[in-house]
Amino acid sequence: MANLALVYGMRLLPAEEVAGVGEAPIELKNGNTARVTMHLLEGSREQIEAQLRQSIDAFFDFFPEI
């Protein structure tokens, strides 16, 4: 299997300040573009960490061959 690249971003903001979350563009070396879906997790630090761990586990469940 080829080397992989996991693309992600994180930023903490006050929950009441977030109006919406969209997609982020990715530029590929072959000139094409791709998009990555951004996700929003809200709660206390502990709640966000738990949700993030669950999301990462679920993401890799989609790719059992990795």
N, C-alpha and C. Protein backbone atom coordinates (compact mmCIF):
# COMPACT_ATOMS: atom_id res chain seq x y z
N MET A 1 0.85 -1.18 0.00
CA MET A 1 0.00 0.00 0.00
C MET A 1 0.89 1.24 0.00
N ALA A 2 0.48 2.25 -0.73
CA ALA A 2 1.22 3.50 -0.82
C ALA A 2 1.15 4.27 0.50
N ASN A 3 2.08 5.20 0.67
CA ASN A 3 1.99 6.10 1.83
C ASN A 3 0.72 6.92 1.70
N LEU A 4 0.11 7.20 2.81
CA LEU A 4 -1.14 7.95 2.84
C LEU A 4 -0.93 9.30 3.49
N ALA A 5 -1.85 10.22 3.26
CA ALA A 5 -1.83 11.53 3.91
C ALA A 5 -3.21 11.77 4.50
N LEU A 6 -3.27 11.99 5.80
CA LEU A 6 -4.53 12.33 6.45
C LEU A 6 -4.59 13.85 6.55
N VAL A 7 -5.59 14.44 5.93
CA VAL A 7 -5.74 15.89 5.92
C VAL A 7 -6.82 16.27 6.94
N TYR A 8 -6.46 17.14 7.86
CA TYR A 8 -7.43 17.58 8.85
C TYR A 8 -7.04 18.96 9.37
N GLY A 9 -7.96 19.60 10.05
CA GLY A 9 -7.69 20.89 10.67
C GLY A 9 -8.47 21.02 11.96
N MET A 10 -7.94 21.80 12.87
CA MET A 10 -8.62 22.02 14.15
C MET A 10 -8.48 23.49 14.55
N ARG A 11 -9.51 23.98 15.16
CA ARG A 11 -9.48 25.33 15.72
C ARG A 11 -10.56 25.40 16.78
N LEU A 12 -10.21 25.91 17.95
CA LEU A 12 -11.20 26.10 19.01
C LEU A 12 -11.74 27.52 18.95
N LEU A 13 -13.05 27.62 18.97
CA LEU A 13 -13.76 28.90 18.98
C LEU A 13 -14.89 28.81 19.99
N PRO A 14 -15.36 29.95 20.49
CA PRO A 14 -16.55 29.89 21.35
C PRO A 14 -17.72 29.32 20.54
N ALA A 15 -18.42 28.34 21.09
CA ALA A 15 -19.50 27.67 20.36
C ALA A 15 -20.54 28.64 19.83
N GLU A 16 -20.84 29.66 20.59
CA GLU A 16 -21.88 30.60 20.15
C GLU A 16 -21.43 31.50 19.00
N GLU A 17 -20.15 31.48 18.67
CA GLU A 17 -19.62 32.29 17.57
C GLU A 17 -19.69 31.58 16.22
N VAL A 18 -19.85 30.26 16.22
CA VAL A 18 -19.83 29.49 14.97
C VAL A 18 -21.20 29.53 14.32
N ALA A 19 -21.24 30.08 13.09
CA ALA A 19 -22.49 30.17 12.35
C ALA A 19 -22.66 29.03 11.36
N GLY A 20 -21.55 28.46 10.90
CA GLY A 20 -21.63 27.37 9.93
C GLY A 20 -20.24 26.83 9.63
N VAL A 21 -20.21 25.63 9.06
CA VAL A 21 -18.96 24.99 8.70
C VAL A 21 -19.13 24.45 7.28
N GLY A 22 -18.14 24.71 6.43
CA GLY A 22 -18.22 24.25 5.05
C GLY A 22 -17.13 23.25 4.73
N GLU A 23 -16.80 23.14 3.46
CA GLU A 23 -15.75 22.24 3.01
C GLU A 23 -14.46 23.02 2.82
N ALA A 24 -13.34 22.33 2.91
CA ALA A 24 -12.03 22.94 2.68
C ALA A 24 -11.45 22.35 1.40
N PRO A 25 -10.90 23.22 0.53
CA PRO A 25 -10.31 22.70 -0.72
C PRO A 25 -8.92 22.11 -0.50
N ILE A 26 -8.60 21.11 -1.31
CA ILE A 26 -7.27 20.50 -1.32
C ILE A 26 -6.76 20.55 -2.75
N GLU A 27 -5.55 21.03 -2.95
CA GLU A 27 -4.94 21.06 -4.27
C GLU A 27 -4.05 19.83 -4.43
N LEU A 28 -4.26 19.05 -5.49
CA LEU A 28 -3.48 17.85 -5.74
C LEU A 28 -2.36 18.16 -6.72
N LYS A 29 -1.29 17.39 -6.64
CA LYS A 29 -0.13 17.62 -7.49
C LYS A 29 -0.44 17.48 -8.97
N ASN A 30 -1.46 16.68 -9.31
CA ASN A 30 -1.81 16.49 -10.71
C ASN A 30 -2.67 17.62 -11.28
N GLY A 31 -2.89 18.65 -10.47
CA GLY A 31 -3.67 19.81 -10.92
C GLY A 31 -5.13 19.73 -10.55
N ASN A 32 -5.61 18.58 -10.13
CA ASN A 32 -7.00 18.45 -9.70
C ASN A 32 -7.18 19.00 -8.30
N THR A 33 -8.41 19.16 -7.92
CA THR A 33 -8.73 19.58 -6.56
C THR A 33 -9.65 18.55 -5.93
N ALA A 34 -9.63 18.51 -4.63
CA ALA A 34 -10.52 17.65 -3.85
C ALA A 34 -11.06 18.50 -2.71
N ARG A 35 -12.03 17.99 -2.02
CA ARG A 35 -12.60 18.71 -0.88
C ARG A 35 -12.62 17.79 0.32
N VAL A 36 -12.42 18.38 1.48
CA VAL A 36 -12.53 17.63 2.73
C VAL A 36 -13.66 18.25 3.55
N THR A 37 -14.50 17.38 4.07
CA THR A 37 -15.61 17.83 4.89
C THR A 37 -15.09 18.24 6.26
N MET A 38 -15.49 19.40 6.70
CA MET A 38 -15.10 19.87 8.02
C MET A 38 -16.20 19.44 9.01
N HIS A 39 -15.81 19.18 10.23
CA HIS A 39 -16.75 18.72 11.24
C HIS A 39 -16.74 19.68 12.43
N LEU A 40 -17.84 19.73 13.14
CA LEU A 40 -17.98 20.60 14.30
C LEU A 40 -18.28 19.75 15.52
N LEU A 41 -17.46 19.86 16.55
CA LEU A 41 -17.67 19.20 17.83
C LEU A 41 -17.82 20.27 18.89
N GLU A 42 -18.85 20.16 19.71
CA GLU A 42 -19.09 21.16 20.76
C GLU A 42 -19.14 20.48 22.12
N GLY A 43 -18.82 21.22 23.14
CA GLY A 43 -18.90 20.73 24.51
C GLY A 43 -17.70 21.16 25.31
N SER A 44 -17.51 20.52 26.44
CA SER A 44 -16.34 20.80 27.27
C SER A 44 -15.12 20.17 26.61
N ARG A 45 -13.95 20.47 27.14
CA ARG A 45 -12.73 19.87 26.59
C ARG A 45 -12.83 18.35 26.59
N GLU A 46 -13.29 17.78 27.71
CA GLU A 46 -13.39 16.34 27.82
C GLU A 46 -14.38 15.77 26.82
N GLN A 47 -15.51 16.44 26.63
CA GLN A 47 -16.52 15.98 25.68
C GLN A 47 -15.99 16.05 24.25
N ILE A 48 -15.29 17.12 23.92
CA ILE A 48 -14.73 17.27 22.58
C ILE A 48 -13.68 16.20 22.33
N GLU A 49 -12.81 15.96 23.31
CA GLU A 49 -11.78 14.93 23.15
C GLU A 49 -12.41 13.56 22.94
N ALA A 50 -13.45 13.24 23.69
CA ALA A 50 -14.11 11.94 23.56
C ALA A 50 -14.77 11.81 22.18
N GLN A 51 -15.44 12.88 21.73
CA GLN A 51 -16.08 12.86 20.42
C GLN A 51 -15.05 12.73 19.31
N LEU A 52 -13.92 13.41 19.47
CA LEU A 52 -12.87 13.35 18.46
C LEU A 52 -12.30 11.94 18.37
N ARG A 53 -12.06 11.31 19.50
CA ARG A 53 -11.55 9.93 19.49
C ARG A 53 -12.53 8.98 18.81
N GLN A 54 -13.83 9.16 19.10
CA GLN A 54 -14.85 8.32 18.47
C GLN A 54 -14.87 8.56 16.96
N SER A 55 -14.75 9.81 16.55
CA SER A 55 -14.76 10.14 15.12
C SER A 55 -13.56 9.52 14.40
N ILE A 56 -12.39 9.58 15.02
CA ILE A 56 -11.19 8.99 14.42
C ILE A 56 -11.35 7.48 14.30
N ASP A 57 -11.83 6.84 15.36
CA ASP A 57 -12.05 5.39 15.31
C ASP A 57 -13.04 5.04 14.20
N ALA A 58 -14.14 5.78 14.11
CA ALA A 58 -15.15 5.50 13.10
C ALA A 58 -14.59 5.72 11.69
N PHE A 59 -13.78 6.76 11.52
CA PHE A 59 -13.18 7.03 10.21
C PHE A 59 -12.36 5.85 9.75
N PHE A 60 -11.51 5.32 10.61
CA PHE A 60 -10.64 4.21 10.22
C PHE A 60 -11.42 2.90 10.09
N ASP A 61 -12.60 2.81 10.69
CA ASP A 61 -13.44 1.63 10.48
C ASP A 61 -13.91 1.54 9.03
N PHE A 62 -13.95 2.68 8.31
CA PHE A 62 -14.33 2.68 6.90
C PHE A 62 -13.22 2.07 6.03
N PHE A 63 -12.00 2.00 6.55
CA PHE A 63 -10.87 1.52 5.79
C PHE A 63 -10.16 0.39 6.54
N PRO A 64 -10.80 -0.77 6.69
CA PRO A 64 -10.20 -1.85 7.46
C PRO A 64 -8.91 -2.40 6.84
N GLU A 65 -8.71 -2.15 5.56
CA GLU A 65 -7.50 -2.66 4.91
C GLU A 65 -6.24 -1.87 5.25
N ILE A 66 -6.40 -0.73 5.90
CA ILE A 66 -5.24 0.09 6.26
C ILE A 66 -4.59 -0.48 7.51
